[in-house]
Amino acid sequence: MSAPLSEPACHLCMLDPVCAARAGRAAAPIQPRQRNLRAGDPLYRQERPALAAFALRAGAAKLVYRAASGRDQVIDYALAGDVLGIGLCPDSAQYAESATALQPSVVCEVPVEALRSALAHGAVHAAMRAAVQRADQRRRTQLVSLGSLSGPQRLATLLLDLQAEHARRGLPAPITLPLSRTDIASYIGVTLETVSRLVTRFAGAGLIQVQQRFVRIIDPAGLQWLLAGDGDSPRIAAPLASPMAGEDVTA
């Protein structure tokens, strides 16, 4: 299901200080080319030459890594304000993964040479360092999640991470799930059936409320408690008879 475009998030983009797309900055070094994407459209593909970065002005995207075996794995997601395509390193020769729009989106395409020039600007360099730190922290958290957490704990981690990303952008509750349940299953390393079952159990336990792809976190402390425990909280141990009214159980 395609969601409507989010508001343009130029103020969150690390390239904003040197972007000519903003009013009154016609001479700025970054002259992005805007692209409108439909859900399912690729931004770039793994192992293709990394010729440009992509600032996500509105919408959402998923990052997918294809292993040598041919298996695809969702490794991250991106929201409006994020910059994709070069592993946050302008000297990357190839794209390290593929990126696909999850909903109608708008991206600003920035050639790598222009990005190198922009990094000479102190504010851009500082913003890139902060973005690298956030990306590294999320990847480390994901590795720990896949390696040592239970299914409920992995879903709780994703929900809390999405809540933090929405808060950083100043977005109101409820949060929007950018990933389909199939993508969530790939991202947290469980089956699609497990994702649907866990969402139902979380809702039944009063941790969240679900309406299609909108999720309101009712009890963040409960999710944190779940993460701190052994992953077998009695609040989510027993399955419910049916999904919560209005819940989107499609992939």
Protein backbone atom coordinates (compact mmCIF):
# COMPACT_ATOMS: atom_id res chain seq x y z
CA MET A 1 0.00 0.00 0.00
CA SER A 2 1.41 3.38 -0.96
CA ALA A 3 1.39 6.11 1.64
CA PRO A 4 1.12 9.82 0.86
CA LEU A 5 4.29 11.85 0.57
CA SER A 6 5.70 13.19 3.80
CA GLU A 7 6.51 16.88 4.09
CA PRO A 8 9.81 17.88 2.47
CA ALA A 9 12.59 17.41 5.03
CA CYS A 10 15.29 19.68 3.59
CA HIS A 11 16.10 21.08 7.03
CA LEU A 12 17.12 17.57 8.17
CA CYS A 13 19.40 16.91 5.19
CA MET A 14 23.12 17.15 5.86
CA LEU A 15 23.54 18.92 2.49
CA ASP A 16 21.04 21.64 3.34
CA PRO A 17 23.64 24.34 4.17
CA VAL A 18 25.09 24.19 0.64
CA CYS A 19 22.02 23.27 -1.42
CA ALA A 20 20.81 25.55 -4.20
CA ALA A 21 17.31 24.06 -4.05
CA ARG A 22 16.59 26.19 -1.00
CA ALA A 23 15.25 29.70 -1.58
CA GLY A 24 17.90 32.37 -2.01
CA ARG A 25 20.80 29.99 -2.63
CA ALA A 26 21.10 29.94 -6.41
CA ALA A 27 24.91 30.08 -6.21
CA ALA A 28 25.27 27.25 -3.67
CA PRO A 29 27.69 24.43 -4.69
CA ILE A 30 25.08 21.67 -4.59
CA GLN A 31 22.74 21.81 -7.61
CA PRO A 32 20.56 18.71 -7.09
CA ARG A 33 18.41 17.09 -9.74
CA GLN A 34 15.02 16.24 -8.28
CA ARG A 35 13.43 12.87 -9.09
CA ASN A 36 9.92 11.71 -8.30
CA LEU A 37 9.66 8.01 -7.51
CA ARG A 38 6.79 5.59 -7.26
CA ALA A 39 6.66 2.78 -4.72
CA GLY A 40 9.00 0.04 -5.97
CA ASP A 41 11.18 2.33 -8.11
CA PRO A 42 14.95 1.83 -7.61
CA LEU A 43 17.21 4.66 -6.48
CA TYR A 44 20.34 2.67 -7.30
CA ARG A 45 21.52 -0.93 -7.56
CA GLN A 46 24.20 -2.86 -5.74
CA GLU A 47 27.63 -3.06 -7.45
CA ARG A 48 26.77 -0.40 -10.02
CA PRO A 49 29.21 2.54 -10.23
CA ALA A 50 28.53 5.00 -7.41
CA LEU A 51 28.12 8.18 -9.43
CA ALA A 52 25.72 10.08 -7.17
CA ALA A 53 24.28 10.35 -3.70
CA PHE A 54 20.53 10.62 -3.12
CA ALA A 55 19.00 12.90 -0.52
CA LEU A 56 15.54 11.64 0.41
CA ARG A 57 13.45 14.81 0.37
CA ALA A 58 10.14 13.07 1.06
CA GLY A 59 8.97 9.48 1.39
CA ALA A 60 10.88 6.38 2.52
CA ALA A 61 13.21 3.72 1.09
CA LYS A 62 14.65 0.34 2.00
CA LEU A 63 18.24 -0.82 1.61
CA VAL A 64 18.71 -4.39 0.40
CA TYR A 65 21.93 -6.40 0.26
CA ARG A 66 22.19 -9.33 -2.15
CA ALA A 67 24.57 -12.04 -0.92
CA ALA A 68 26.74 -14.15 -3.22
CA SER A 69 24.12 -16.90 -2.86
CA GLY A 70 21.57 -14.58 -4.47
CA ARG A 71 19.57 -14.12 -1.29
CA ASP A 72 18.25 -10.61 -0.63
CA GLN A 73 18.27 -9.18 2.90
CA VAL A 74 16.71 -5.91 4.02
CA ILE A 75 19.52 -4.28 6.00
CA ASP A 76 18.15 -0.83 6.75
CA TYR A 77 15.48 1.72 6.00
CA ALA A 78 15.66 5.44 5.23
CA LEU A 79 13.28 8.29 5.97
CA ALA A 80 12.94 11.83 4.69
CA GLY A 81 16.12 13.78 5.41
CA ASP A 82 18.49 10.83 5.01
CA VAL A 83 21.23 10.74 2.36
CA LEU A 84 21.75 7.42 0.56
CA GLY A 85 23.92 5.84 -2.07
CA ILE A 86 27.57 6.09 -1.14
CA GLY A 87 27.85 4.48 2.26
CA LEU A 88 28.40 8.05 3.44
CA CYS A 89 31.83 7.90 1.80
CA PRO A 90 32.23 9.90 -1.43
CA ASP A 91 35.16 7.74 -2.55
CA SER A 92 33.10 4.53 -2.81
CA ALA A 93 33.57 3.04 -6.29
CA GLN A 94 30.35 0.98 -6.24
CA TYR A 95 27.08 1.00 -4.40
CA ALA A 96 27.32 -1.41 -1.49
CA GLU A 97 23.61 -2.27 -1.59
CA SER A 98 20.44 -1.51 -3.53
CA ALA A 99 17.86 1.09 -2.54
CA THR A 100 14.16 1.03 -3.46
CA ALA A 101 11.38 3.50 -2.75
CA LEU A 102 8.81 2.12 -0.33
CA GLN A 103 6.17 4.71 -1.18
CA PRO A 104 5.81 7.71 -3.49
CA SER A 105 9.01 9.62 -2.76
CA VAL A 106 11.11 12.57 -3.88
CA VAL A 107 14.91 12.41 -4.00
CA CYS A 108 17.57 14.95 -4.85
CA GLU A 109 20.35 13.39 -6.93
CA VAL A 110 23.78 14.84 -6.13
CA PRO A 111 26.84 13.92 -8.24
CA VAL A 112 29.75 12.57 -6.23
CA GLU A 113 32.05 15.38 -7.35
CA ALA A 114 29.62 17.96 -5.98
CA LEU A 115 29.44 15.99 -2.74
CA ARG A 116 33.22 16.07 -2.38
CA SER A 117 33.16 19.84 -2.78
CA ALA A 118 30.37 20.16 -0.23
CA LEU A 119 32.41 18.30 2.39
CA ALA A 120 34.77 21.27 2.54
CA HIS A 121 31.93 23.13 4.26
CA GLY A 122 32.28 22.72 8.02
CA ALA A 123 28.57 22.25 8.72
CA VAL A 124 28.27 19.57 6.04
CA HIS A 125 31.33 17.72 7.33
CA ALA A 126 29.95 17.78 10.88
CA ALA A 127 26.54 16.60 9.70
CA MET A 128 28.14 13.73 7.79
CA ARG A 129 30.07 12.64 10.88
CA ALA A 130 26.82 12.64 12.87
CA ALA A 131 25.06 10.66 10.14
CA VAL A 132 27.89 8.12 10.07
CA GLN A 133 27.65 7.69 13.83
CA ARG A 134 23.89 7.15 13.70
CA ALA A 135 24.21 4.66 10.82
CA ASP A 136 27.01 2.77 12.59
CA GLN A 137 25.02 2.61 15.81
CA ARG A 138 21.94 1.27 14.02
CA ARG A 139 23.97 -1.35 12.14
CA ARG A 140 25.65 -2.47 15.39
CA THR A 141 22.27 -2.65 17.11
CA GLN A 142 20.94 -4.71 14.22
CA LEU A 143 23.84 -7.14 14.40
CA VAL A 144 23.28 -7.63 18.13
CA SER A 145 19.55 -8.01 17.52
CA LEU A 146 19.99 -10.74 14.89
CA GLY A 147 22.68 -12.50 16.89
CA SER A 148 21.26 -12.58 20.39
CA LEU A 149 17.71 -11.25 20.73
CA SER A 150 14.43 -13.10 20.51
CA GLY A 151 11.80 -12.32 17.88
CA PRO A 152 9.76 -10.11 20.25
CA GLN A 153 12.88 -8.21 21.26
CA ARG A 154 13.85 -7.63 17.63
CA LEU A 155 10.45 -6.17 16.81
CA ALA A 156 10.58 -4.01 19.95
CA THR A 157 13.99 -2.73 18.86
CA LEU A 158 12.65 -1.75 15.44
CA LEU A 159 9.60 0.03 16.90
CA LEU A 160 11.68 1.98 19.40
CA ASP A 161 14.18 2.91 16.69
CA LEU A 162 11.37 4.18 14.46
CA GLN A 163 9.96 6.17 17.36
CA ALA A 164 13.39 7.77 17.94
CA GLU A 165 13.75 8.62 14.24
CA HIS A 166 10.29 10.21 14.18
CA ALA A 167 11.11 12.22 17.31
CA ARG A 168 14.40 13.41 15.79
CA ARG A 169 12.43 14.72 12.82
CA GLY A 170 9.85 16.39 15.03
CA LEU A 171 7.05 14.22 13.66
CA PRO A 172 3.93 13.65 15.78
CA ALA A 173 2.60 10.27 16.89
CA PRO A 174 1.58 7.81 15.59
CA ILE A 175 4.64 6.56 13.77
CA THR A 176 4.34 5.22 10.24
CA LEU A 177 5.77 1.81 9.42
CA PRO A 178 7.72 2.42 6.18
CA LEU A 179 8.41 -1.30 5.72
CA SER A 180 5.85 -3.90 4.71
CA ARG A 181 5.53 -6.90 6.98
CA THR A 182 7.48 -8.95 4.46
CA ASP A 183 10.30 -6.41 4.65
CA ILE A 184 10.11 -6.32 8.46
CA ALA A 185 10.44 -10.11 8.49
CA SER A 186 13.59 -9.87 6.37
CA TYR A 187 14.99 -7.00 8.46
CA ILE A 188 14.56 -8.68 11.86
CA GLY A 189 15.26 -12.21 10.61
CA VAL A 190 11.94 -13.97 11.26
CA THR A 191 9.08 -15.29 9.12
CA LEU A 192 6.19 -13.19 7.85
CA GLU A 193 3.82 -15.25 10.00
CA THR A 194 5.92 -14.45 13.08
CA VAL A 195 5.75 -10.71 12.36
CA SER A 196 1.94 -10.79 12.06
CA ARG A 197 1.67 -12.88 15.22
CA LEU A 198 3.96 -10.56 17.20
CA VAL A 199 2.13 -7.42 16.08
CA THR A 200 -1.13 -9.00 17.25
CA ARG A 201 0.39 -9.98 20.58
CA PHE A 202 1.97 -6.56 21.14
CA ALA A 203 -1.40 -4.93 20.48
CA GLY A 204 -3.22 -7.37 22.75
CA ALA A 205 -0.69 -6.71 25.52
CA GLY A 206 -1.33 -2.96 25.36
CA LEU A 207 2.14 -2.12 24.10
CA ILE A 208 0.98 -0.65 20.78
CA GLN A 209 -2.11 0.30 18.81
CA VAL A 210 -2.18 -0.52 15.10
CA GLN A 211 -4.23 0.99 12.29
CA GLN A 212 -2.99 -0.23 8.92
CA ARG A 213 0.62 1.10 8.77
CA PHE A 214 0.19 3.60 11.58
CA VAL A 215 1.49 2.43 14.95
CA ARG A 216 1.05 4.27 18.24
CA ILE A 217 3.44 3.11 20.94
CA ILE A 218 1.30 3.05 24.08
CA ASP A 219 3.86 1.64 26.49
CA PRO A 220 7.47 2.43 25.49
CA ALA A 221 8.62 1.45 28.97
CA GLY A 222 7.06 -1.96 28.39
CA LEU A 223 9.01 -2.35 25.15
CA GLN A 224 12.19 -1.32 26.95
CA TRP A 225 11.42 -3.82 29.72
CA LEU A 226 10.99 -6.51 27.10
CA LEU A 227 14.42 -5.66 25.68
CA ALA A 228 16.02 -5.78 29.13
CA GLY A 229 14.48 -9.17 29.96
CA ASP A 230 14.85 -12.62 28.47
CA GLY A 231 12.46 -11.97 25.59
CA ASP A 232 9.71 -14.20 27.01
CA SER A 233 7.45 -11.60 28.61
CA PRO A 234 4.19 -13.14 29.90
CA ARG A 235 2.37 -10.11 28.43
CA ILE A 236 2.99 -11.42 24.91
CA ALA A 237 3.29 -15.15 25.58
CA ALA A 238 -0.22 -16.20 24.52
CA PRO A 239 -1.55 -15.53 21.01
CA LEU A 240 -4.84 -13.71 20.59
CA ALA A 241 -7.81 -15.25 18.82
CA SER A 242 -7.93 -12.62 16.07
CA PRO A 243 -6.09 -9.47 14.95
CA MET A 244 -7.01 -6.13 16.45
CA ALA A 245 -9.80 -4.30 14.65
CA GLY A 246 -8.42 -2.24 11.80
CA GLU A 247 -5.07 -4.02 11.82
CA ASP A 248 -3.44 -4.41 8.43
CA VAL A 249 -2.48 -8.09 8.20
CA THR A 250 -1.37 -7.95 4.58
CA ALA A 251 2.26 -8.19 3.52
